Amino acid sequence: MYSSQIIQVQVQDETGSTTFILFDKGAKKIISKTAKELAEMQEEKMKNKSDWNGTLRLRQKRRREKEKEMDKKRWK
């Protein structure tokens, strides 16, 4: 029996978003890490939840700023 890890990746641009499923070998080719390595990295981050939440809030803030910037460009 073959065991495989999978990663769901959501890709988004100004036209919309879609979800891709990456299997272990494909993930390794694209991001140079296996799904298992990414899972281990995420577990390590989750151990220190306050840091993880801070990172998430920063990403959300950057995303909102980028969306505002894109909206300004659209209306020019």
C-alpha atoms as a PDB file:
ATOM      1  CA  MET A   1       0.000   0.000   0.000  1.00  0.00           C
ATOM      2  CA  TYR A   2       1.335   3.427  -0.986  1.00  0.00           C
ATOM      3  CA  SER A   3       0.821   6.340   1.368  1.00  0.00           C
ATOM      4  CA  SER A   4       0.753   9.838  -0.051  1.00  0.00           C
ATOM      5  CA  GLN A   5       0.403  13.256   1.487  1.00  0.00           C
ATOM      6  CA  ILE A   6      -1.677  15.900  -0.255  1.00  0.00           C
ATOM      7  CA  ILE A   7      -1.741  19.676  -0.025  1.00  0.00           C
ATOM      8  CA  GLN A   8      -4.669  21.891  -0.937  1.00  0.00           C
ATOM      9  CA  VAL A   9      -3.480  25.165  -2.426  1.00  0.00           C
ATOM     10  CA  GLN A  10      -5.807  28.069  -3.050  1.00  0.00           C
ATOM     11  CA  VAL A  11      -4.620  30.311  -5.873  1.00  0.00           C
ATOM     12  CA  GLN A  12      -6.150  33.752  -6.201  1.00  0.00           C
ATOM     13  CA  ASP A  13      -5.803  36.803  -8.420  1.00  0.00           C
ATOM     14  CA  GLU A  14      -7.978  39.796  -9.271  1.00  0.00           C
ATOM     15  CA  THR A  15     -10.275  37.651 -11.446  1.00  0.00           C
ATOM     16  CA  GLY A  16     -11.090  34.991  -8.860  1.00  0.00           C
ATOM     17  CA  SER A  17      -9.689  31.962  -7.076  1.00  0.00           C
ATOM     18  CA  THR A  18      -9.425  28.207  -7.458  1.00  0.00           C
ATOM     19  CA  THR A  19      -8.143  25.293  -5.402  1.00  0.00           C
ATOM     20  CA  PHE A  20      -5.480  22.856  -6.551  1.00  0.00           C
ATOM     21  CA  ILE A  21      -4.540  19.538  -4.992  1.00  0.00           C
ATOM     22  CA  LEU A  22      -0.802  18.828  -4.901  1.00  0.00           C
ATOM     23  CA  PHE A  23       0.417  15.340  -4.200  1.00  0.00           C
ATOM     24  CA  ASP A  24       3.690  14.810  -2.391  1.00  0.00           C
ATOM     25  CA  LYS A  25       5.955  14.523  -5.457  1.00  0.00           C
ATOM     26  CA  GLY A  26       4.303  17.443  -7.243  1.00  0.00           C
ATOM     27  CA  ALA A  27       4.534  19.611  -4.146  1.00  0.00           C
ATOM     28  CA  LYS A  28       8.225  18.790  -3.814  1.00  0.00           C
ATOM     29  CA  LYS A  29       8.839  19.863  -7.432  1.00  0.00           C
ATOM     30  CA  ILE A  30       7.004  23.165  -7.009  1.00  0.00           C
ATOM     31  CA  ILE A  31       7.972  24.247  -3.484  1.00  0.00           C
ATOM     32  CA  SER A  32      11.009  22.068  -2.761  1.00  0.00           C
ATOM     33  CA  LYS A  33       9.344  20.539   0.301  1.00  0.00           C
ATOM     34  CA  THR A  34       7.247  17.442   0.769  1.00  0.00           C
ATOM     35  CA  ALA A  35       3.761  17.632   2.214  1.00  0.00           C
ATOM     36  CA  LYS A  36       5.105  15.908   5.315  1.00  0.00           C
ATOM     37  CA  GLU A  37       7.791  18.586   5.741  1.00  0.00           C
ATOM     38  CA  LEU A  38       5.176  21.327   5.389  1.00  0.00           C
ATOM     39  CA  ALA A  39       2.911  19.615   7.917  1.00  0.00           C
ATOM     40  CA  GLU A  40       5.809  19.414  10.364  1.00  0.00           C
ATOM     41  CA  MET A  41       6.560  23.110   9.812  1.00  0.00           C
ATOM     42  CA  GLN A  42       2.931  23.993  10.449  1.00  0.00           C
ATOM     43  CA  GLU A  43       2.846  21.909  13.630  1.00  0.00           C
ATOM     44  CA  GLU A  44       5.935  23.733  14.873  1.00  0.00           C
ATOM     45  CA  LYS A  45       4.317  27.100  14.173  1.00  0.00           C
ATOM     46  CA  MET A  46       1.114  26.049  15.901  1.00  0.00           C
ATOM     47  CA  LYS A  47       3.047  25.209  19.061  1.00  0.00           C
ATOM     48  CA  ASN A  48       3.556  28.904  19.516  1.00  0.00           C
ATOM     49  CA  LYS A  49       0.026  29.991  18.657  1.00  0.00           C
ATOM     50  CA  SER A  50       0.491  33.657  19.441  1.00  0.00           C
ATOM     51  CA  ASP A  51       3.228  33.931  16.819  1.00  0.00           C
ATOM     52  CA  TRP A  52       1.081  32.049  14.318  1.00  0.00           C
ATOM     53  CA  ASN A  53      -1.922  34.295  14.957  1.00  0.00           C
ATOM     54  CA  GLY A  54       0.288  37.356  14.622  1.00  0.00           C
ATOM     55  CA  THR A  55       1.564  36.115  11.275  1.00  0.00           C
ATOM     56  CA  LEU A  56      -1.971  35.399  10.096  1.00  0.00           C
ATOM     57  CA  ARG A  57      -3.158  38.867  11.125  1.00  0.00           C
ATOM     58  CA  LEU A  58      -0.202  40.443   9.313  1.00  0.00           C
ATOM     59  CA  ARG A  59      -0.999  38.473   6.138  1.00  0.00           C
ATOM     60  CA  GLN A  60      -4.646  39.523   6.347  1.00  0.00           C
ATOM     61  CA  LYS A  61      -3.625  43.160   6.820  1.00  0.00           C
ATOM     62  CA  ARG A  62      -1.271  43.011   3.829  1.00  0.00           C
ATOM     63  CA  ARG A  63      -3.992  41.378   1.723  1.00  0.00           C
ATOM     64  CA  ARG A  64      -6.490  44.132   2.639  1.00  0.00           C
ATOM     65  CA  GLU A  65      -3.915  46.817   1.806  1.00  0.00           C
ATOM     66  CA  LYS A  66      -3.184  45.172  -1.537  1.00  0.00           C
ATOM     67  CA  GLU A  67      -6.912  44.913  -2.325  1.00  0.00           C
ATOM     68  CA  LYS A  68      -7.373  48.621  -1.535  1.00  0.00           C
ATOM     69  CA  GLU A  69      -4.428  49.465  -3.783  1.00  0.00           C
ATOM     70  CA  MET A  70      -5.883  47.358  -6.608  1.00  0.00           C
ATOM     71  CA  ASP A  71      -9.286  49.037  -6.182  1.00  0.00           C
ATOM     72  CA  LYS A  72      -7.651  52.472  -6.477  1.00  0.00           C
ATOM     73  CA  LYS A  73      -5.933  51.419  -9.710  1.00  0.00           C
ATOM     74  CA  ARG A  74      -9.203  50.111 -11.141  1.00  0.00           C
ATOM     75  CA  TRP A  75     -11.007  53.397 -10.553  1.00  0.00           C
ATOM     76  CA  LYS A  76      -8.310  55.622 -12.091  1.00  0.00           C
END
